[in-house]
Amino acid sequence: MAQTAALPTLHRSEHTVTVAAPAEALYALVADVTRWPAVFEPTVHVRHLAQDGRTERFEIWAEVGGDVAHWRSLRVLDPQRLYVSFRQEHSRPPVTSMSGGWLFRRLADGGTEIVLRHRYTVADDDPAAVARIEEALDRNSARELGALAALAETGHAVDDLVFSFTDTIPLQGTAALDAYTFIERAERWADLLPHVARVDLTEPEPGVQWLEMDTVTADGSAHTTRSARICRAPEWIAYKQQRTPRLLSGHSGEWTFAETPEGPVATARHTVAVDPAGITDVLGPDATLADARAYLRDALGRNSLATLRHAAEASRRG
């Protein structure tokens, strides 16, 4: 009689944190994956594939062990139970399956216990691979839970701290690919963009880039940023800053290139999380959160618009 193959071992992990903030606010922050790149340090980019009521599918890029991993996930949102379940539709080897959930438990003092659970299997039950995955889960779960706590305990409404904005300009003819190429080949920016002083670009695999650069804002302030970028020609380039200026705890964005009834356009989208602790250090002792929001909208928008205008010029030359 043929032997039945042994089922892979199902490994489990659980990480918890207690946060002095309402469970509903924390649940809402986790339920909105579009904010994850600006809120969670490991997350680089999230892109929805489908949404149907409380069920959603998306693909996600995240830093895992110094590399950018990519997978697709299915999630079910349950606002009554304050629970979000997830399951990867395909996993990155050596992981063969990954699922879990976020649970938000209301506490008597008005705070919340957040429980993040993972269940996973590994190819051939390789002990070394299991150890690496456990280490990565421990590291990334601690970073994610810590980010939730830090954001929720600032005393400010999350919607005031985390916000998005866009700028769009028209392109000429059908040369949107030239504009895309200008954004993708950022190693040339120090010679072409007045607000960029230095660029270091590496591309460990096609479509994945690490970009470090020194930029100067209109008031003369210099900043060094380091970003992971995902490039998908000719439609979009997404980025997540790993190193942010003092005023930000998180910053992600996307450059998109699209055809509209009026012609091709290029759009720069920013999603930022303000660090309240840096407001008075950067903007002065009397500065408020509203001042910080206005400053960031102006400074980031000004630089991205300058980049878009040069990209549009590249499209005209193209």
C-alpha atoms as a PDB file:
ATOM      1  CA  MET A   1       0.000   0.000   0.000  1.00  0.00           C
ATOM      2  CA  ALA A   2       1.355   3.421  -0.958  1.00  0.00           C
ATOM      3  CA  GLN A   3       2.287   5.643   1.931  1.00  0.00           C
ATOM      4  CA  THR A   4       0.420   8.919   2.365  1.00  0.00           C
ATOM      5  CA  ALA A   5       2.704  11.946   2.241  1.00  0.00           C
ATOM      6  CA  ALA A   6       2.999  13.668   5.599  1.00  0.00           C
ATOM      7  CA  LEU A   7       1.215  17.000   5.849  1.00  0.00           C
ATOM      8  CA  PRO A   8       3.521  20.001   6.319  1.00  0.00           C
ATOM      9  CA  THR A   9       3.809  21.350   9.847  1.00  0.00           C
ATOM     10  CA  LEU A  10       1.557  24.329  10.510  1.00  0.00           C
ATOM     11  CA  HIS A  11       3.614  26.892  12.407  1.00  0.00           C
ATOM     12  CA  ARG A  12       1.950  29.604  14.484  1.00  0.00           C
ATOM     13  CA  SER A  13       3.107  32.922  15.859  1.00  0.00           C
ATOM     14  CA  GLU A  14       1.332  35.576  17.930  1.00  0.00           C
ATOM     15  CA  HIS A  15       2.402  39.117  18.763  1.00  0.00           C
ATOM     16  CA  THR A  16       0.526  41.549  20.999  1.00  0.00           C
ATOM     17  CA  VAL A  17       0.706  45.135  22.129  1.00  0.00           C
ATOM     18  CA  THR A  18      -1.490  47.249  24.404  1.00  0.00           C
ATOM     19  CA  VAL A  19      -2.282  50.707  23.040  1.00  0.00           C
ATOM     20  CA  ALA A  20      -3.879  53.678  24.803  1.00  0.00           C
ATOM     21  CA  ALA A  21      -6.335  54.337  21.973  1.00  0.00           C
ATOM     22  CA  PRO A  22      -9.854  53.184  21.022  1.00  0.00           C
ATOM     23  CA  ALA A  23     -10.144  49.820  19.298  1.00  0.00           C
ATOM     24  CA  GLU A  24     -12.319  51.245  16.510  1.00  0.00           C
ATOM     25  CA  ALA A  25      -9.678  53.787  15.483  1.00  0.00           C
ATOM     26  CA  LEU A  26      -6.952  51.153  15.419  1.00  0.00           C
ATOM     27  CA  TYR A  27      -9.123  48.728  13.473  1.00  0.00           C
ATOM     28  CA  ALA A  28      -9.868  51.442  10.886  1.00  0.00           C
ATOM     29  CA  LEU A  29      -6.169  52.106  10.430  1.00  0.00           C
ATOM     30  CA  VAL A  30      -5.394  48.444   9.730  1.00  0.00           C
ATOM     31  CA  ALA A  31      -8.497  48.005   7.567  1.00  0.00           C
ATOM     32  CA  ASP A  32      -7.365  50.759   5.157  1.00  0.00           C
ATOM     33  CA  VAL A  33      -4.406  49.177   3.369  1.00  0.00           C
ATOM     34  CA  THR A  34      -3.881  52.240   1.171  1.00  0.00           C
ATOM     35  CA  ARG A  35      -2.287  53.909   4.221  1.00  0.00           C
ATOM     36  CA  TRP A  36       0.019  51.033   5.079  1.00  0.00           C
ATOM     37  CA  PRO A  37       3.108  52.235   3.184  1.00  0.00           C
ATOM     38  CA  ALA A  38       3.056  55.537   5.119  1.00  0.00           C
ATOM     39  CA  VAL A  39       2.242  53.884   8.457  1.00  0.00           C
ATOM     40  CA  PHE A  40       4.077  50.530   8.497  1.00  0.00           C
ATOM     41  CA  GLU A  41       7.826  50.652   8.060  1.00  0.00           C
ATOM     42  CA  PRO A  42       8.201  47.342   6.135  1.00  0.00           C
ATOM     43  CA  THR A  43       5.390  48.033   3.598  1.00  0.00           C
ATOM     44  CA  VAL A  44       6.558  49.555   0.314  1.00  0.00           C
ATOM     45  CA  HIS A  45       3.409  49.544  -1.825  1.00  0.00           C
ATOM     46  CA  VAL A  46      -0.120  48.130  -1.894  1.00  0.00           C
ATOM     47  CA  ARG A  47      -2.273  47.848  -4.987  1.00  0.00           C
ATOM     48  CA  HIS A  48      -5.894  46.680  -4.967  1.00  0.00           C
ATOM     49  CA  LEU A  49      -6.928  43.971  -7.399  1.00  0.00           C
ATOM     50  CA  ALA A  50     -10.596  43.597  -6.370  1.00  0.00           C
ATOM     51  CA  GLN A  51     -13.003  44.761  -3.668  1.00  0.00           C
ATOM     52  CA  ASP A  52     -16.415  43.247  -2.965  1.00  0.00           C
ATOM     53  CA  GLY A  53     -18.105  44.397   0.211  1.00  0.00           C
ATOM     54  CA  ARG A  54     -15.922  43.315   3.112  1.00  0.00           C
ATOM     55  CA  THR A  55     -13.674  41.121   0.971  1.00  0.00           C
ATOM     56  CA  GLU A  56     -10.667  42.507  -0.863  1.00  0.00           C
ATOM     57  CA  ARG A  57      -7.724  41.233  -2.877  1.00  0.00           C
ATOM     58  CA  PHE A  58      -4.507  43.177  -3.262  1.00  0.00           C
ATOM     59  CA  GLU A  59      -0.861  42.762  -4.060  1.00  0.00           C
ATOM     60  CA  ILE A  60       1.728  44.034  -1.657  1.00  0.00           C
ATOM     61  CA  TRP A  61       5.442  44.747  -1.755  1.00  0.00           C
ATOM     62  CA  ALA A  62       7.292  44.800   1.574  1.00  0.00           C
ATOM     63  CA  GLU A  63      10.832  44.765   2.900  1.00  0.00           C
ATOM     64  CA  VAL A  64      11.686  41.348   4.319  1.00  0.00           C
ATOM     65  CA  GLY A  65      15.222  40.682   5.488  1.00  0.00           C
ATOM     66  CA  GLY A  66      16.675  43.533   3.449  1.00  0.00           C
ATOM     67  CA  ASP A  67      14.968  42.498   0.209  1.00  0.00           C
ATOM     68  CA  VAL A  68      11.649  43.563  -1.314  1.00  0.00           C
ATOM     69  CA  ALA A  69       9.186  40.654  -1.308  1.00  0.00           C
ATOM     70  CA  HIS A  70       5.950  40.595  -3.314  1.00  0.00           C
ATOM     71  CA  TRP A  71       2.766  38.587  -2.819  1.00  0.00           C
ATOM     72  CA  ARG A  72      -1.023  38.702  -3.257  1.00  0.00           C
ATOM     73  CA  SER A  73      -3.416  38.517  -0.336  1.00  0.00           C
ATOM     74  CA  LEU A  74      -7.115  38.002   0.304  1.00  0.00           C
ATOM     75  CA  ARG A  75      -8.631  39.797   3.323  1.00  0.00           C
ATOM     76  CA  VAL A  76     -12.014  39.735   5.013  1.00  0.00           C
ATOM     77  CA  LEU A  77     -12.966  42.731   7.161  1.00  0.00           C
ATOM     78  CA  ASP A  78     -15.291  42.323  10.141  1.00  0.00           C
ATOM     79  CA  PRO A  79     -15.957  45.736  11.754  1.00  0.00           C
ATOM     80  CA  GLN A  80     -18.438  44.259  14.258  1.00  0.00           C
ATOM     81  CA  ARG A  81     -15.889  41.829  15.708  1.00  0.00           C
ATOM     82  CA  LEU A  82     -13.031  44.267  15.059  1.00  0.00           C
ATOM     83  CA  TYR A  83     -11.215  41.501  13.230  1.00  0.00           C
ATOM     84  CA  VAL A  84      -9.323  41.371   9.938  1.00  0.00           C
ATOM     85  CA  SER A  85      -8.382  37.969   8.536  1.00  0.00           C
ATOM     86  CA  PHE A  86      -5.860  37.494   5.722  1.00  0.00           C
ATOM     87  CA  ARG A  87      -4.497  34.742   3.526  1.00  0.00           C
ATOM     88  CA  GLN A  88      -1.725  34.943   0.965  1.00  0.00           C
ATOM     89  CA  GLU A  89      -2.872  33.672  -2.424  1.00  0.00           C
ATOM     90  CA  HIS A  90       0.682  32.856  -3.339  1.00  0.00           C
ATOM     91  CA  SER A  91       3.685  32.976  -1.075  1.00  0.00           C
ATOM     92  CA  ARG A  92       7.353  33.580  -1.623  1.00  0.00           C
ATOM     93  CA  PRO A  93       9.509  30.439  -1.239  1.00  0.00           C
ATOM     94  CA  PRO A  94      10.382  28.837   1.077  1.00  0.00           C
ATOM     95  CA  VAL A  95       6.951  29.793   2.519  1.00  0.00           C
ATOM     96  CA  THR A  96       4.254  27.571   0.995  1.00  0.00           C
ATOM     97  CA  SER A  97       1.272  29.138   2.802  1.00  0.00           C
ATOM     98  CA  MET A  98       0.652  32.112   5.079  1.00  0.00           C
ATOM     99  CA  SER A  99      -2.533  33.276   6.800  1.00  0.00           C
ATOM    100  CA  GLY A 100      -3.595  34.974  10.012  1.00  0.00           C
ATOM    101  CA  GLY A 101      -5.544  37.849  11.456  1.00  0.00           C
ATOM    102  CA  TRP A 102      -5.628  41.126  13.339  1.00  0.00           C
ATOM    103  CA  LEU A 103      -7.800  41.194  16.487  1.00  0.00           C
ATOM    104  CA  PHE A 104      -8.589  44.372  18.440  1.00  0.00           C
ATOM    105  CA  ARG A 105      -9.783  43.755  22.017  1.00  0.00           C
ATOM    106  CA  ARG A 106     -11.418  46.620  23.891  1.00  0.00           C
ATOM    107  CA  LEU A 107     -10.012  47.107  27.391  1.00  0.00           C
ATOM    108  CA  ALA A 108     -11.863  48.452  30.429  1.00  0.00           C
ATOM    109  CA  ASP A 109      -9.664  51.564  30.590  1.00  0.00           C
ATOM    110  CA  GLY A 110     -10.532  52.568  27.010  1.00  0.00           C
ATOM    111  CA  GLY A 111      -7.347  51.165  25.522  1.00  0.00           C
ATOM    112  CA  THR A 112      -6.913  48.235  23.151  1.00  0.00           C
ATOM    113  CA  GLU A 113      -5.006  44.996  23.052  1.00  0.00           C
ATOM    114  CA  ILE A 114      -3.948  44.291  19.455  1.00  0.00           C
ATOM    115  CA  VAL A 115      -3.247  40.659  18.623  1.00  0.00           C
ATOM    116  CA  LEU A 116      -1.500  39.834  15.343  1.00  0.00           C
ATOM    117  CA  ARG A 117      -1.459  36.122  14.454  1.00  0.00           C
ATOM    118  CA  HIS A 118       0.305  34.254  11.661  1.00  0.00           C
ATOM    119  CA  ARG A 119      -0.007  30.635  10.515  1.00  0.00           C
ATOM    120  CA  TYR A 120       2.371  29.314   7.885  1.00  0.00           C
ATOM    121  CA  THR A 121       3.946  26.254   6.306  1.00  0.00           C
ATOM    122  CA  VAL A 122       7.433  25.878   4.874  1.00  0.00           C
ATOM    123  CA  ALA A 123       8.755  23.776   2.017  1.00  0.00           C
ATOM    124  CA  ASP A 124      10.104  20.429   3.290  1.00  0.00           C
ATOM    125  CA  ASP A 125       9.710  21.687   6.886  1.00  0.00           C
ATOM    126  CA  ASP A 126      13.262  22.979   6.626  1.00  0.00           C
ATOM    127  CA  PRO A 127      14.289  24.007  10.201  1.00  0.00           C
ATOM    128  CA  ALA A 128      16.671  26.712   8.980  1.00  0.00           C
ATOM    129  CA  ALA A 129      13.954  28.258   6.811  1.00  0.00           C
ATOM    130  CA  VAL A 130      11.474  28.130   9.697  1.00  0.00           C
ATOM    131  CA  ALA A 131      13.971  29.947  11.915  1.00  0.00           C
ATOM    132  CA  ARG A 132      14.476  32.673   9.288  1.00  0.00           C
ATOM    133  CA  ILE A 133      10.729  33.137   8.849  1.00  0.00           C
ATOM    134  CA  GLU A 134      10.127  33.291  12.606  1.00  0.00           C
ATOM    135  CA  GLU A 135      12.841  35.919  12.900  1.00  0.00           C
ATOM    136  CA  ALA A 136      11.320  37.969  10.044  1.00  0.00           C
ATOM    137  CA  LEU A 137       7.823  37.712  11.569  1.00  0.00           C
ATOM    138  CA  ASP A 138       9.114  38.750  14.979  1.00  0.00           C
ATOM    139  CA  ARG A 139      10.927  41.740  13.503  1.00  0.00           C
ATOM    140  CA  ASN A 140       8.200  42.957  11.145  1.00  0.00           C
ATOM    141  CA  SER A 141       5.321  42.314  13.559  1.00  0.00           C
ATOM    142  CA  ALA A 142       7.090  44.333  16.260  1.00  0.00           C
ATOM    143  CA  ARG A 143       7.650  47.179  13.789  1.00  0.00           C
ATOM    144  CA  GLU A 144       4.018  47.152  12.634  1.00  0.00           C
ATOM    145  CA  LEU A 145       2.544  47.002  16.132  1.00  0.00           C
ATOM    146  CA  GLY A 146       4.952  49.677  17.316  1.00  0.00           C
ATOM    147  CA  ALA A 147       3.939  51.947  14.446  1.00  0.00           C
ATOM    148  CA  LEU A 148       0.258  51.574  15.308  1.00  0.00           C
ATOM    149  CA  ALA A 149       0.937  52.410  18.935  1.00  0.00           C
ATOM    150  CA  ALA A 150       3.130  55.400  18.123  1.00  0.00           C
ATOM    151  CA  LEU A 151       0.599  56.874  15.705  1.00  0.00           C
ATOM    152  CA  ALA A 152      -2.482  56.267  17.845  1.00  0.00           C
ATOM    153  CA  GLU A 153      -0.967  57.583  21.077  1.00  0.00           C
ATOM    154  CA  THR A 154       0.087  61.011  19.764  1.00  0.00           C
ATOM    155  CA  GLY A 155      -3.151  62.617  20.969  1.00  0.00           C
ATOM    156  CA  HIS A 156      -4.060  63.675  17.416  1.00  0.00           C
ATOM    157  CA  ALA A 157      -6.718  62.158  15.171  1.00  0.00           C
ATOM    158  CA  VAL A 158      -5.207  59.690  12.711  1.00  0.00           C
ATOM    159  CA  ASP A 159      -6.934  61.435   9.797  1.00  0.00           C
ATOM    160  CA  ASP A 160      -5.138  64.647  10.736  1.00  0.00           C
ATOM    161  CA  LEU A 161      -1.740  62.947  10.857  1.00  0.00           C
ATOM    162  CA  VAL A 162      -2.032  60.718   7.774  1.00  0.00           C
ATOM    163  CA  PHE A 163      -3.202  62.396   4.586  1.00  0.00           C
ATOM    164  CA  SER A 164      -2.758  62.257   0.803  1.00  0.00           C
ATOM    165  CA  PHE A 165      -2.628  64.742  -2.045  1.00  0.00           C
ATOM    166  CA  THR A 166      -1.961  64.691  -5.791  1.00  0.00           C
ATOM    167  CA  ASP A 167      -0.648  66.950  -8.547  1.00  0.00           C
ATOM    168  CA  THR A 168      -1.291  66.305 -12.247  1.00  0.00           C
ATOM    169  CA  ILE A 169       0.112  67.880 -15.422  1.00  0.00           C
ATOM    170  CA  PRO A 170      -0.625  67.188 -19.106  1.00  0.00           C
ATOM    171  CA  LEU A 171       1.850  65.501 -21.412  1.00  0.00           C
ATOM    172  CA  GLN A 172       2.308  66.110 -25.105  1.00  0.00           C
ATOM    173  CA  GLY A 173       1.163  63.730 -27.830  1.00  0.00           C
ATOM    174  CA  THR A 174       1.560  60.060 -27.038  1.00  0.00           C
ATOM    175  CA  ALA A 175       5.044  60.282 -25.536  1.00  0.00           C
ATOM    176  CA  ALA A 176       4.078  59.288 -21.978  1.00  0.00           C
ATOM    177  CA  LEU A 177       6.759  56.589 -22.100  1.00  0.00           C
ATOM    178  CA  ASP A 178       9.438  59.291 -22.259  1.00  0.00           C
ATOM    179  CA  ALA A 179       7.985  60.877 -19.115  1.00  0.00           C
ATOM    180  CA  TYR A 180       7.893  57.471 -17.420  1.00  0.00           C
ATOM    181  CA  THR A 181      11.531  56.862 -18.389  1.00  0.00           C
ATOM    182  CA  PHE A 182      12.543  60.218 -16.913  1.00  0.00           C
ATOM    183  CA  ILE A 183      11.098  59.215 -13.544  1.00  0.00           C
ATOM    184  CA  GLU A 184      12.459  55.659 -13.714  1.00  0.00           C
ATOM    185  CA  ARG A 185      16.042  56.666 -14.554  1.00  0.00           C
ATOM    186  CA  ALA A 186      16.474  58.793 -11.435  1.00  0.00           C
ATOM    187  CA  GLU A 187      20.258  58.431 -11.493  1.00  0.00           C
ATOM    188  CA  ARG A 188      20.244  61.446 -13.879  1.00  0.00           C
ATOM    189  CA  TRP A 189      18.246  63.741 -11.582  1.00  0.00           C
ATOM    190  CA  ALA A 190      21.207  65.466  -9.929  1.00  0.00           C
ATOM    191  CA  ASP A 191      22.160  66.879 -13.351  1.00  0.00           C
ATOM    192  CA  LEU A 192      18.597  67.716 -14.421  1.00  0.00           C
ATOM    193  CA  LEU A 193      16.589  68.767 -11.339  1.00  0.00           C
ATOM    194  CA  PRO A 194      17.532  71.919  -9.390  1.00  0.00           C
ATOM    195  CA  HIS A 195      16.233  70.554  -6.053  1.00  0.00           C
ATOM    196  CA  VAL A 196      18.293  67.336  -6.255  1.00  0.00           C
ATOM    197  CA  ALA A 197      21.943  67.576  -5.176  1.00  0.00           C
ATOM    198  CA  ARG A 198      22.995  63.907  -5.119  1.00  0.00           C
ATOM    199  CA  VAL A 199      21.597  60.573  -6.296  1.00  0.00           C
ATOM    200  CA  ASP A 200      22.640  56.973  -5.671  1.00  0.00           C
ATOM    201  CA  LEU A 201      20.440  54.444  -7.518  1.00  0.00           C
ATOM    202  CA  THR A 202      20.798  50.653  -7.449  1.00  0.00           C
ATOM    203  CA  GLU A 203      18.523  48.041  -9.063  1.00  0.00           C
ATOM    204  CA  PRO A 204      19.068  44.585  -7.513  1.00  0.00           C
ATOM    205  CA  GLU A 205      16.403  43.056  -9.769  1.00  0.00           C
ATOM    206  CA  PRO A 206      14.321  44.341 -12.686  1.00  0.00           C
ATOM    207  CA  GLY A 207      11.594  46.668 -11.472  1.00  0.00           C
ATOM    208  CA  VAL A 208      12.942  47.019  -7.905  1.00  0.00           C
ATOM    209  CA  GLN A 209      15.142  50.000  -7.068  1.00  0.00           C
ATOM    210  CA  TRP A 210      16.808  51.558  -4.040  1.00  0.00           C
ATOM    211  CA  LEU A 211      17.151  55.327  -4.378  1.00  0.00           C
ATOM    212  CA  GLU A 212      19.112  57.573  -2.018  1.00  0.00           C
ATOM    213  CA  MET A 213      19.264  61.287  -2.709  1.00  0.00           C
ATOM    214  CA  ASP A 214      19.916  64.691  -1.196  1.00  0.00           C
ATOM    215  CA  THR A 215      17.202  67.268  -1.892  1.00  0.00           C
ATOM    216  CA  VAL A 216      16.799  70.966  -1.102  1.00  0.00           C
ATOM    217  CA  THR A 217      13.439  72.606  -0.309  1.00  0.00           C
ATOM    218  CA  ALA A 218      12.443  76.166  -1.195  1.00  0.00           C
ATOM    219  CA  ASP A 219      13.538  77.482   2.222  1.00  0.00           C
ATOM    220  CA  GLY A 220      17.033  76.068   1.700  1.00  0.00           C
ATOM    221  CA  SER A 221      16.649  73.055   4.009  1.00  0.00           C
ATOM    222  CA  ALA A 222      18.611  69.985   2.875  1.00  0.00           C
ATOM    223  CA  HIS A 223      17.321  66.439   3.390  1.00  0.00           C
ATOM    224  CA  THR A 224      18.704  62.992   2.693  1.00  0.00           C
ATOM    225  CA  THR A 225      16.093  60.385   1.821  1.00  0.00           C
ATOM    226  CA  ARG A 226      16.328  56.697   0.984  1.00  0.00           C
ATOM    227  CA  SER A 227      13.481  54.980  -0.843  1.00  0.00           C
ATOM    228  CA  ALA A 228      12.481  51.597  -2.184  1.00  0.00           C
ATOM    229  CA  ARG A 229      10.830  51.895  -5.599  1.00  0.00           C
ATOM    230  CA  ILE A 230       8.662  49.502  -7.617  1.00  0.00           C
ATOM    231  CA  CYS A 231       8.641  50.240 -11.345  1.00  0.00           C
ATOM    232  CA  ARG A 232       6.004  48.881 -13.728  1.00  0.00           C
ATOM    233  CA  ALA A 233       6.533  50.342 -17.186  1.00  0.00           C
ATOM    234  CA  PRO A 234       4.886  52.232 -18.708  1.00  0.00           C
ATOM    235  CA  GLU A 235       2.095  52.921 -16.189  1.00  0.00           C
ATOM    236  CA  TRP A 236       3.412  53.572 -12.687  1.00  0.00           C
ATOM    237  CA  ILE A 237       6.326  53.858 -10.272  1.00  0.00           C
ATOM    238  CA  ALA A 238       5.617  53.549  -6.540  1.00  0.00           C
ATOM    239  CA  TYR A 239       8.042  54.448  -3.769  1.00  0.00           C
ATOM    240  CA  LYS A 240       8.378  54.264  -0.008  1.00  0.00           C
ATOM    241  CA  GLN A 241      10.865  56.373   1.917  1.00  0.00           C
ATOM    242  CA  GLN A 242      12.917  54.309   4.365  1.00  0.00           C
ATOM    243  CA  ARG A 243      14.673  57.437   5.606  1.00  0.00           C
ATOM    244  CA  THR A 244      12.426  60.482   6.028  1.00  0.00           C
ATOM    245  CA  PRO A 245      12.920  64.134   6.973  1.00  0.00           C
ATOM    246  CA  ARG A 246      12.443  65.087  10.632  1.00  0.00           C
ATOM    247  CA  LEU A 247       8.841  66.217  10.162  1.00  0.00           C
ATOM    248  CA  LEU A 248       7.629  62.847   8.857  1.00  0.00           C
ATOM    249  CA  SER A 249       7.216  59.415  10.409  1.00  0.00           C
ATOM    250  CA  GLY A 250       6.213  57.952   7.033  1.00  0.00           C
ATOM    251  CA  HIS A 251       6.048  58.945   3.367  1.00  0.00           C
ATOM    252  CA  SER A 252       4.995  56.924   0.337  1.00  0.00           C
ATOM    253  CA  GLY A 253       3.976  57.940  -3.140  1.00  0.00           C
ATOM    254  CA  GLU A 254       3.306  56.999  -6.703  1.00  0.00           C
ATOM    255  CA  TRP A 255       4.023  58.404 -10.139  1.00  0.00           C
ATOM    256  CA  THR A 256       1.355  57.397 -12.670  1.00  0.00           C
ATOM    257  CA  PHE A 257       1.088  57.917 -16.422  1.00  0.00           C
ATOM    258  CA  ALA A 258      -2.314  57.548 -18.035  1.00  0.00           C
ATOM    259  CA  GLU A 259      -4.370  58.349 -21.101  1.00  0.00           C
ATOM    260  CA  THR A 260      -7.456  60.536 -20.550  1.00  0.00           C
ATOM    261  CA  PRO A 261     -10.060  61.889 -23.001  1.00  0.00           C
ATOM    262  CA  GLU A 262      -8.087  65.155 -22.974  1.00  0.00           C
ATOM    263  CA  GLY A 263      -4.767  63.428 -23.650  1.00  0.00           C
ATOM    264  CA  PRO A 264      -1.956  61.804 -21.628  1.00  0.00           C
ATOM    265  CA  VAL A 265      -1.238  63.033 -18.096  1.00  0.00           C
ATOM    266  CA  ALA A 266       1.346  62.420 -15.392  1.00  0.00           C
ATOM    267  CA  THR A 267       0.345  62.439 -11.721  1.00  0.00           C
ATOM    268  CA  ALA A 268       2.354  62.548  -8.499  1.00  0.00           C
ATOM    269  CA  ARG A 269       0.573  61.223  -5.411  1.00  0.00           C
ATOM    270  CA  HIS A 270       1.908  61.542  -1.862  1.00  0.00           C
ATOM    271  CA  THR A 271       0.684  59.871   1.328  1.00  0.00           C
ATOM    272  CA  VAL A 272       2.394  61.167   4.460  1.00  0.00           C
ATOM    273  CA  ALA A 273       2.294  60.579   8.203  1.00  0.00           C
ATOM    274  CA  VAL A 274       3.266  63.622  10.245  1.00  0.00           C
ATOM    275  CA  ASP A 275       5.551  63.183  13.249  1.00  0.00           C
ATOM    276  CA  PRO A 276       4.108  65.599  15.849  1.00  0.00           C
ATOM    277  CA  ALA A 277       7.326  65.466  17.876  1.00  0.00           C
ATOM    278  CA  GLY A 278       9.189  67.149  15.033  1.00  0.00           C
ATOM    279  CA  ILE A 279       6.812  70.040  14.364  1.00  0.00           C
ATOM    280  CA  THR A 280       8.286  72.665  16.689  1.00  0.00           C
ATOM    281  CA  ASP A 281      11.860  71.504  15.997  1.00  0.00           C
ATOM    282  CA  VAL A 282      11.425  72.103  12.262  1.00  0.00           C
ATOM    283  CA  LEU A 283       8.874  74.910  12.046  1.00  0.00           C
ATOM    284  CA  GLY A 284       9.368  76.824  15.311  1.00  0.00           C
ATOM    285  CA  PRO A 285       7.954  76.839  18.852  1.00  0.00           C
ATOM    286  CA  ASP A 286       4.511  78.177  17.867  1.00  0.00           C
ATOM    287  CA  ALA A 287       3.913  75.841  14.918  1.00  0.00           C
ATOM    288  CA  THR A 288       0.829  73.620  14.887  1.00  0.00           C
ATOM    289  CA  LEU A 289      -0.177  70.407  13.163  1.00  0.00           C
ATOM    290  CA  ALA A 290      -2.088  72.501  10.618  1.00  0.00           C
ATOM    291  CA  ASP A 291       1.138  74.414   9.888  1.00  0.00           C
ATOM    292  CA  ALA A 292       2.979  71.131   9.388  1.00  0.00           C
ATOM    293  CA  ARG A 293       0.326  69.845   6.979  1.00  0.00           C
ATOM    294  CA  ALA A 294       0.491  73.057   4.944  1.00  0.00           C
ATOM    295  CA  TYR A 295       4.288  73.041   4.925  1.00  0.00           C
ATOM    296  CA  LEU A 296       4.463  69.424   3.735  1.00  0.00           C
ATOM    297  CA  ARG A 297       1.818  69.973   1.070  1.00  0.00           C
ATOM    298  CA  ASP A 298       3.781  72.910  -0.288  1.00  0.00           C
ATOM    299  CA  ALA A 299       7.307  71.487   0.005  1.00  0.00           C
ATOM    300  CA  LEU A 300       6.593  67.984  -1.304  1.00  0.00           C
ATOM    301  CA  GLY A 301       4.197  69.216  -3.958  1.00  0.00           C
ATOM    302  CA  ARG A 302       6.653  71.850  -5.174  1.00  0.00           C
ATOM    303  CA  ASN A 303       9.450  69.301  -5.640  1.00  0.00           C
ATOM    304  CA  SER A 304       7.274  66.661  -7.299  1.00  0.00           C
ATOM    305  CA  LEU A 305       5.746  69.258  -9.629  1.00  0.00           C
ATOM    306  CA  ALA A 306       9.246  70.364 -10.632  1.00  0.00           C
ATOM    307  CA  THR A 307      10.066  66.735 -11.416  1.00  0.00           C
ATOM    308  CA  LEU A 308       6.828  66.306 -13.374  1.00  0.00           C
ATOM    309  CA  ARG A 309       7.523  69.426 -15.446  1.00  0.00           C
ATOM    310  CA  HIS A 310      10.910  68.059 -16.428  1.00  0.00           C
ATOM    311  CA  ALA A 311       9.251  64.736 -17.246  1.00  0.00           C
ATOM    312  CA  ALA A 312       6.746  66.589 -19.429  1.00  0.00           C
ATOM    313  CA  GLU A 313       9.616  68.319 -21.189  1.00  0.00           C
ATOM    314  CA  ALA A 314      11.118  64.901 -21.831  1.00  0.00           C
ATOM    315  CA  SER A 315       7.797  63.823 -23.355  1.00  0.00           C
ATOM    316  CA  ARG A 316       7.823  66.859 -25.664  1.00  0.00           C
ATOM    317  CA  ARG A 317      11.357  66.067 -26.789  1.00  0.00           C
ATOM    318  CA  GLY A 318      10.323  62.443 -27.260  1.00  0.00           C
END
